[in-house]
Protein backbone atom coordinates (compact mmCIF):
# COMPACT_ATOMS: atom_id res chain seq x y z
CA UNK A 1 0.00 0.00 0.00
CA UNK A 2 1.45 3.37 -1.01
CA UNK A 3 2.34 5.85 1.74
CA UNK A 4 -0.19 8.40 0.47
CA UNK A 5 -2.94 5.81 0.51
CA UNK A 6 -1.90 4.57 3.95
CA UNK A 7 -2.22 8.13 5.30
CA UNK A 8 -5.91 7.94 4.44
CA UNK A 9 -6.57 4.24 5.04
CA UNK A 10 -5.08 4.04 8.55
CA UNK A 11 -7.25 6.77 10.20
CA UNK A 12 -10.37 5.39 8.51
CA UNK A 13 -9.31 1.89 9.51
CA UNK A 14 -8.85 2.93 13.13
CA UNK A 15 -12.34 4.42 13.17
CA UNK A 16 -13.89 1.39 11.49
CA UNK A 17 -12.20 -1.24 13.66
CA UNK A 18 -12.67 0.65 16.94
CA UNK A 19 -16.39 1.19 16.30
CA UNK A 20 -16.71 -2.27 14.76
CA UNK A 21 -15.30 -4.03 17.80
CA UNK A 22 -17.81 -2.18 19.95
CA UNK A 23 -20.59 -3.28 17.58
CA UNK A 24 -19.30 -6.87 17.72
CA UNK A 25 -19.30 -6.72 21.53
CA UNK A 26 -22.91 -5.52 21.61
CA UNK A 27 -23.89 -8.20 19.10
CA UNK A 28 -22.17 -10.89 21.18
CA UNK A 29 -23.89 -9.78 24.38
CA UNK A 30 -27.29 -9.74 22.66
CA UNK A 31 -26.60 -13.16 21.12
CA UNK A 32 -25.87 -14.66 24.54
CA UNK A 33 -28.44 -12.77 26.62
CA UNK A 34 -31.35 -11.85 24.31
CA UNK A 35 -31.43 -14.54 21.61
CA UNK A 36 -32.14 -17.50 23.94
CA UNK A 37 -35.16 -15.59 25.31
CA UNK A 38 -36.50 -14.13 22.06
CA UNK A 39 -34.97 -14.69 18.63
CA UNK A 40 -37.33 -12.10 17.14
CA UNK A 41 -36.24 -9.40 19.60
CA UNK A 42 -32.58 -10.30 19.01
CA UNK A 43 -33.03 -9.88 15.28
CA UNK A 44 -34.72 -6.51 15.70
CA UNK A 45 -31.92 -5.27 17.97
CA UNK A 46 -29.20 -6.71 15.75
CA UNK A 47 -30.71 -5.00 12.71
CA UNK A 48 -30.19 -1.59 14.35
CA UNK A 49 -26.74 -2.43 15.73
CA UNK A 50 -25.41 -3.96 12.49
CA UNK A 51 -26.68 -0.97 10.52
CA UNK A 52 -24.49 1.32 12.68
CA UNK A 53 -21.49 -0.53 11.26
CA UNK A 54 -22.68 -0.97 7.67
CA UNK A 55 -23.53 2.74 7.46
CA UNK A 56 -19.83 3.56 7.81
CA UNK A 57 -19.18 1.75 4.54
CA UNK A 58 -22.21 3.40 2.94
CA UNK A 59 -20.70 6.74 4.04
CA UNK A 60 -17.45 5.70 2.36
CA UNK A 61 -19.30 5.45 -0.96
CA UNK A 62 -21.73 8.35 -0.56
CA UNK A 63 -19.72 11.02 1.21
CA UNK A 64 -16.02 10.15 1.13
CA UNK A 65 -15.52 8.83 -2.41
CA UNK A 66 -18.65 10.35 -3.92
CA UNK A 67 -19.53 7.21 -5.86
CA UNK A 68 -22.90 7.67 -7.59
CA UNK A 69 -25.05 4.54 -7.36
CA UNK A 70 -27.90 5.11 -9.81
CA UNK A 71 -30.89 2.76 -9.59
CA UNK A 72 -32.96 1.99 -12.69
CA UNK A 73 -36.30 0.26 -12.09
CA UNK A 74 -40.05 0.77 -12.41
CA UNK A 75 -42.05 2.72 -9.82
CA UNK A 76 -43.88 -0.33 -8.46
CA UNK A 77 -40.67 -2.24 -7.81
CA UNK A 78 -39.07 0.82 -6.25
CA UNK A 79 -42.10 1.25 -3.99
CA UNK A 80 -41.92 -2.37 -2.78
CA UNK A 81 -38.16 -2.46 -2.21
CA UNK A 82 -37.48 -2.83 1.50
CA UNK A 83 -41.10 -3.65 2.26
CA UNK A 84 -41.02 -7.36 1.37
CA UNK A 85 -38.77 -10.39 1.65
CA UNK A 86 -36.75 -10.87 -1.53
CA UNK A 87 -34.15 -13.18 -3.04
CA UNK A 88 -31.65 -10.99 -4.87
CA UNK A 89 -29.61 -12.41 -7.76
CA UNK A 90 -26.99 -10.29 -9.48
CA UNK A 91 -24.05 -10.43 -11.81
CA UNK A 92 -20.75 -10.02 -9.97
CA UNK A 93 -19.10 -7.29 -12.01
CA UNK A 94 -17.01 -5.10 -9.69
CA UNK A 95 -14.96 -5.54 -6.54
CA UNK A 96 -17.55 -3.69 -4.47
CA UNK A 97 -20.81 -5.22 -5.71
CA UNK A 98 -21.64 -6.20 -2.13
CA UNK A 99 -21.27 -2.55 -1.10
CA UNK A 100 -23.43 -1.42 -4.01
CA UNK A 101 -26.05 -3.85 -2.72
CA UNK A 102 -25.79 -2.32 0.75
CA UNK A 103 -26.27 1.18 -0.70
CA UNK A 104 -29.38 -0.02 -2.56
CA UNK A 105 -30.68 -1.66 0.63
CA UNK A 106 -30.00 1.49 2.65
CA UNK A 107 -31.99 3.55 0.17
CA UNK A 108 -34.82 1.02 0.61
CA UNK A 109 -34.70 1.02 4.42
CA UNK A 110 -33.60 -2.60 4.97
CA UNK A 111 -29.82 -2.31 5.30
CA UNK A 112 -29.69 -3.92 8.75
CA UNK A 113 -31.63 -6.97 7.56
CA UNK A 114 -29.80 -7.49 4.28
CA UNK A 115 -28.10 -10.88 4.13
CA UNK A 116 -25.94 -12.68 1.59
CA UNK A 117 -24.61 -16.09 0.69
CA UNK A 118 -20.85 -15.79 1.17
CA UNK A 119 -17.80 -18.01 0.99
CA UNK A 120 -16.91 -19.50 4.36
CA UNK A 121 -13.62 -17.61 4.75
CA UNK A 122 -15.55 -14.31 4.88
CA UNK A 123 -16.78 -14.91 8.41
CA UNK A 124 -13.22 -14.90 9.75
CA UNK A 125 -12.59 -11.31 8.64
CA UNK A 126 -12.21 -9.23 11.82
CA UNK A 127 -15.18 -6.97 12.58
CA UNK A 128 -16.99 -7.19 9.25
CA UNK A 129 -17.02 -10.99 9.03
CA UNK A 130 -17.92 -11.39 12.70
CA UNK A 131 -20.81 -8.96 12.32
CA UNK A 132 -22.04 -10.92 9.28
CA UNK A 133 -22.03 -14.09 11.38
CA UNK A 134 -24.11 -12.46 14.12
CA UNK A 135 -26.46 -11.17 11.39
CA UNK A 136 -27.10 -14.71 10.08
CA UNK A 137 -25.33 -14.50 6.75
CA UNK A 138 -25.01 -17.90 5.05
CA UNK A 139 -21.44 -19.18 4.64
CA UNK A 140 -20.67 -21.89 2.09
CA UNK A 141 -17.57 -23.95 1.34
CA UNK A 142 -18.06 -24.28 -2.43
CA UNK A 143 -18.59 -28.01 -2.02
CA UNK A 144 -22.18 -28.92 -2.81
CA UNK A 145 -22.03 -32.07 -0.71
CA UNK A 146 -21.55 -29.84 2.34
CA UNK A 147 -23.27 -26.68 1.16
CA UNK A 148 -26.65 -28.19 0.27
CA UNK A 149 -27.63 -28.83 3.89
CA UNK A 150 -26.07 -25.53 5.04
CA UNK A 151 -28.08 -23.55 2.52
CA UNK A 152 -31.30 -25.42 3.32
CA UNK A 153 -31.03 -24.97 7.08
CA UNK A 154 -29.95 -21.33 6.75
CA UNK A 155 -32.92 -20.45 4.56
CA UNK A 156 -35.36 -22.33 6.77
CA UNK A 157 -34.16 -20.26 9.75
CA UNK A 158 -35.21 -17.13 7.87
CA UNK A 159 -38.85 -18.24 7.53
CA UNK A 160 -39.79 -16.50 10.78
CA UNK A 161 -37.65 -13.38 10.22
CA UNK A 162 -39.71 -10.53 11.75
CA UNK A 163 -38.70 -7.78 9.31
CA UNK A 164 -38.36 -7.52 5.52
CA UNK A 165 -35.01 -8.94 4.43
CA UNK A 166 -33.00 -9.33 1.24
CA UNK A 167 -30.91 -12.46 0.67
CA UNK A 168 -28.26 -11.83 -1.99
CA UNK A 169 -26.97 -14.73 -4.07
CA UNK A 170 -24.24 -14.34 -6.69
CA UNK A 171 -25.14 -17.31 -8.87
CA UNK A 172 -22.07 -16.96 -11.10
CA UNK A 173 -20.16 -18.31 -8.11
CA UNK A 174 -17.22 -15.92 -8.48
CA UNK A 175 -16.32 -12.38 -9.53
CA UNK A 176 -16.12 -11.52 -13.21
CA UNK A 177 -12.66 -11.32 -14.79
CA UNK A 178 -11.53 -11.65 -18.39
CA UNK A 179 -9.76 -14.93 -17.63
CA UNK A 180 -12.94 -16.41 -16.15
CA UNK A 181 -14.97 -15.10 -19.08
CA UNK A 182 -12.68 -16.89 -21.53
CA UNK A 183 -13.08 -20.13 -19.58
CA UNK A 184 -16.87 -19.70 -19.56
CA UNK A 185 -16.89 -19.01 -23.31
CA UNK A 186 -14.84 -22.14 -24.02
CA UNK A 187 -17.20 -24.23 -21.91
CA UNK A 188 -20.29 -22.73 -23.56
CA UNK A 189 -18.88 -23.40 -27.02
CA UNK A 190 -18.07 -27.03 -26.17
CA UNK A 191 -21.53 -27.72 -24.71
CA UNK A 192 -23.74 -25.78 -27.08
CA UNK A 193 -24.83 -23.15 -24.54
CA UNK A 194 -25.22 -19.47 -25.48
CA UNK A 195 -21.73 -17.95 -25.41
CA UNK A 196 -21.58 -15.16 -22.78
CA UNK A 197 -19.95 -11.81 -23.46
CA UNK A 198 -20.45 -9.85 -20.23
CA UNK A 199 -21.39 -12.43 -17.59
CA UNK A 200 -20.32 -15.89 -16.48
CA UNK A 201 -22.43 -19.01 -16.76
CA UNK A 202 -24.64 -19.28 -13.66
CA UNK A 203 -24.17 -22.21 -11.30
CA UNK A 204 -27.77 -23.05 -10.67
CA UNK A 205 -27.77 -25.66 -7.90
CA UNK A 206 -27.72 -23.07 -5.13
CA UNK A 207 -30.36 -20.96 -6.85
CA UNK A 208 -32.67 -23.95 -7.35
CA UNK A 209 -32.27 -24.94 -3.70
CA UNK A 210 -32.92 -21.37 -2.54
CA UNK A 211 -36.08 -21.09 -4.63
CA UNK A 212 -37.44 -24.44 -3.49
CA UNK A 213 -37.06 -23.51 0.18
CA UNK A 214 -38.17 -19.85 -0.11
CA UNK A 215 -41.31 -20.22 -2.21
CA UNK A 216 -43.59 -20.36 0.81
CA UNK A 217 -42.49 -17.11 2.50
CA UNK A 218 -40.57 -14.97 -0.03
CA UNK A 219 -42.82 -13.27 -2.61
CA UNK A 220 -40.25 -11.91 -5.06
CA UNK A 221 -36.93 -12.30 -6.80
CA UNK A 222 -35.01 -9.13 -7.62
CA UNK A 223 -33.00 -9.61 -10.80
CA UNK A 224 -30.16 -7.10 -10.43
CA UNK A 225 -27.73 -6.11 -13.17
CA UNK A 226 -24.72 -3.99 -12.22
CA UNK A 227 -22.86 -2.04 -14.91
CA UNK A 228 -20.05 0.50 -14.96
CA UNK A 229 -20.36 3.19 -17.67
CA UNK A 230 -17.40 3.38 -20.06
CA UNK A 231 -16.77 6.96 -18.97
CA UNK A 232 -16.27 5.92 -15.35
CA UNK A 233 -13.37 3.99 -13.80
CA UNK A 234 -14.32 0.74 -12.08
CA UNK A 235 -14.70 1.26 -8.32
CA UNK A 236 -12.43 -0.68 -5.97
CA UNK A 237 -11.94 -0.65 -2.21
CA UNK A 238 -8.61 1.15 -2.60
CA UNK A 239 -10.19 3.83 -4.80
CA UNK A 240 -12.93 4.27 -2.19
CA UNK A 241 -10.42 4.83 0.60
CA UNK A 242 -8.53 7.29 -1.59
CA UNK A 243 -11.78 9.22 -2.11
CA UNK A 244 -11.85 8.67 -5.88
CA UNK A 245 -15.35 8.84 -7.43
CA UNK A 246 -17.02 6.44 -9.85
CA UNK A 247 -20.48 5.81 -11.27
CA UNK A 248 -22.36 2.53 -10.90
CA UNK A 249 -25.63 1.74 -12.67
CA UNK A 250 -27.98 -0.76 -11.02
CA UNK A 251 -30.86 -2.25 -13.03
CA UNK A 252 -33.55 -4.03 -10.98
CA UNK A 253 -36.35 -6.20 -12.36
CA UNK A 254 -38.85 -7.82 -10.01
CA UNK A 255 -40.16 -11.34 -10.64
CA UNK A 256 -42.92 -12.97 -8.61
CA UNK A 257 -41.74 -16.16 -6.94
CA UNK A 258 -45.08 -17.85 -7.63
CA UNK A 259 -44.58 -17.40 -11.38
CA UNK A 260 -41.41 -19.51 -11.49
CA UNK A 261 -41.65 -23.05 -12.92
CA UNK A 262 -42.42 -25.97 -10.63
CA UNK A 263 -39.60 -28.42 -11.45
CA UNK A 264 -35.97 -28.02 -10.43
CA UNK A 265 -34.68 -28.37 -14.00
CA UNK A 266 -37.14 -25.74 -15.24
CA UNK A 267 -36.05 -23.36 -12.44
CA UNK A 268 -32.41 -23.94 -13.41
CA UNK A 269 -33.23 -23.15 -17.02
CA UNK A 270 -35.13 -20.02 -15.91
CA UNK A 271 -31.97 -18.85 -14.17
CA UNK A 272 -29.82 -19.53 -17.24
CA UNK A 273 -32.32 -17.65 -19.40
CA UNK A 274 -32.19 -14.69 -17.00
CA UNK A 275 -28.42 -14.49 -17.48
CA UNK A 276 -28.72 -14.71 -21.25
CA UNK A 277 -31.11 -11.73 -21.06
CA UNK A 278 -28.75 -10.00 -18.62
CA UNK A 279 -25.91 -10.46 -21.10
CA UNK A 280 -27.96 -8.78 -23.84
CA UNK A 281 -28.95 -6.00 -21.44
CA UNK A 282 -25.28 -5.31 -20.71
CA UNK A 283 -24.55 -5.19 -24.45
CA UNK A 284 -27.23 -2.53 -24.79
CA UNK A 285 -25.87 -0.65 -21.79
CA UNK A 286 -22.38 -0.60 -23.31
CA UNK A 287 -23.80 0.86 -26.52
CA UNK A 288 -26.05 3.46 -24.88
CA UNK A 289 -24.26 4.16 -21.60
CA UNK A 290 -27.47 3.71 -19.61
CA UNK A 291 -30.37 1.33 -18.93
CA UNK A 292 -32.90 2.93 -21.23
CA UNK A 293 -35.67 0.37 -20.59
CA UNK A 294 -36.18 1.50 -16.98
CA UNK A 295 -36.57 4.84 -15.23
CA UNK A 296 -33.79 6.36 -13.17
CA UNK A 297 -35.15 6.60 -9.63
CA UNK A 298 -34.29 9.55 -7.43
CA UNK A 299 -32.57 8.05 -4.38
CA UNK A 300 -30.63 11.14 -3.33
CA UNK A 301 -27.75 10.95 -0.89
CA UNK A 302 -29.22 10.30 2.58
CA UNK A 303 -27.54 12.14 5.44
CA UNK A 304 -27.97 9.27 7.91
CA UNK A 305 -24.59 7.66 7.15
CA UNK A 306 -22.82 11.01 7.56
CA UNK A 307 -24.43 11.57 10.97
CA UNK A 308 -23.50 8.05 12.09
CA UNK A 309 -19.83 8.47 11.06
CA UNK A 310 -19.60 11.87 12.78
CA UNK A 311 -21.07 10.35 15.93
CA UNK A 312 -18.69 7.39 15.81
CA UNK A 313 -15.72 9.71 15.22
CA UNK A 314 -16.62 11.87 18.23
CA UNK A 315 -17.13 8.80 20.43
CA UNK A 316 -13.91 7.07 19.35
CA UNK A 317 -11.76 10.22 19.59
CA UNK A 318 -13.17 11.14 23.02
CA UNK A 319 -12.71 7.58 24.26
CA UNK A 320 -9.15 7.44 22.92
CA UNK A 321 -8.20 10.71 24.60
CA UNK A 322 -9.64 9.56 27.92
CA UNK A 323 -7.84 6.22 27.61
CA UNK A 324 -4.49 7.86 26.82
CA UNK A 325 -4.87 10.26 29.77
CA UNK A 326 -5.77 7.40 32.09
CA UNK A 327 -3.11 4.97 30.91
CA UNK A 328 -0.24 7.39 30.10
CA UNK A 329 0.42 5.01 27.22
CA UNK A 330 2.56 7.43 25.23
CA UNK A 331 4.75 8.43 28.17
CA UNK A 332 7.06 5.40 27.88
CA UNK A 333 8.86 3.72 25.02
CA UNK A 334 6.94 0.51 25.71
CA UNK A 335 3.66 2.35 25.32
CA UNK A 336 4.84 4.01 22.11
CA UNK A 337 5.96 0.61 20.78
CA UNK A 338 2.60 -0.91 21.69
CA UNK A 339 0.76 1.93 19.92
CA UNK A 340 2.94 1.53 16.83
CA UNK A 341 2.21 -2.20 16.84
CA UNK A 342 -1.52 -1.43 17.01
CA UNK A 343 -1.27 0.89 14.00
CA UNK A 344 0.64 -1.79 12.10
CA UNK A 345 -2.09 -4.34 12.89
CA UNK A 346 -4.82 -1.98 11.65
CA UNK A 347 -2.83 -1.27 8.48
CA UNK A 348 -2.41 -5.00 7.87
CA UNK A 349 -6.11 -5.66 8.45
CA UNK A 350 -7.10 -2.92 6.02
CA UNK A 351 -4.70 -4.36 3.45
CA UNK A 352 -6.35 -7.77 3.92
CA UNK A 353 -9.79 -6.21 3.44
CA UNK A 354 -8.69 -4.47 0.24
CA UNK A 355 -7.03 -7.60 -1.17
CA UNK A 356 -10.00 -9.75 -0.16
CA UNK A 357 -12.28 -7.61 -2.31
CA UNK A 358 -10.10 -7.63 -5.43
CA UNK A 359 -11.53 -9.68 -8.27
CA UNK A 360 -8.18 -10.77 -9.63
CA UNK A 361 -7.45 -12.41 -6.28
CA UNK A 362 -10.77 -14.22 -6.04
CA UNK A 363 -10.77 -17.98 -6.40
CA UNK A 364 -11.87 -19.20 -9.82
CA UNK A 365 -15.09 -21.12 -10.04
CA UNK A 366 -15.00 -24.67 -11.33
CA UNK A 367 -16.75 -23.83 -14.55
CA UNK A 368 -16.47 -27.13 -16.35
CA UNK A 369 -18.14 -30.01 -14.51
CA UNK A 370 -17.84 -33.61 -15.51
CA UNK A 371 -19.91 -34.49 -18.57
CA UNK A 372 -22.07 -36.91 -16.61
CA UNK A 373 -23.10 -34.06 -14.29
CA UNK A 374 -23.83 -31.37 -16.85
CA UNK A 375 -27.56 -31.55 -16.45
CA UNK A 376 -28.82 -29.04 -13.88
CA UNK A 377 -25.31 -28.15 -12.75
């Protein structure tokens, strides 16, 4: 990490990790004390507490970097967003798609109850991964023999969720890169599938399982397409911390769960068809620079995240000053060394977070299954 970037990343990292550890502590106490008595009350409390942490990252996009997340959808879908349970499927185009999803959820009023299907290693990330675990995110190992029961039980636990939630599922199984696109194109050519140009071939087992277990209590699927205009640089975590702006276009189409086919194979084909249409939609976006088939909704730039970050900053700074006065930490070389070690740890953790989000470092999906398992894979 360059020195100039570190000068920005370290103070923001200190704020995020100090406030995040406090959030984790509150979540842990509620998990031990409240959840055994009332799971519904725990979820309501956790929604508010988790949002206090997620809003810091929303602030990073809205107020620090000035990234414009523009949502294109119809008025009815926009009206229902955040007011109903929904399964959200999206292409995985940029390094911060998960953050773009959080911004969309925050605009809809359900940020604290937005969940996602993540790879298992995510839950070990300090602060952010721990908070996801307390918030009931679903963590998979990318081994269907193990993940099938994990996904089923995780979704069944959500059937009595007391507030509207979104469950995000990236059915491509990995982030988009040119190398992965070439592999997907080779596989499509060899099997007679439509050759993708802007997306990867969806891995439908998880989607089929999610649909089969959510039909009874989730009314809608939000088909989300994320695109970066040619005139805008692709957003990354490092660019966000540096305060460098970008533009992200988000296209949302709502499908009623009850209108999906009944059989697993038909649901899998429905998902593949959605991604063929998504591919064509991205072609059109590249040509026009916008999603012309839907209206641009006015989401503004809510001030809530700014107020939360200011409050956290005041609390953390005041607490740090009191702690330093009480402990006289900086009055001895041992205290100075300990403080320097702490800064080094925060810097390392922020570097891990940045690298973790980079698409070129993401693990490739196993795109080509054995021929005997092609059907429904």
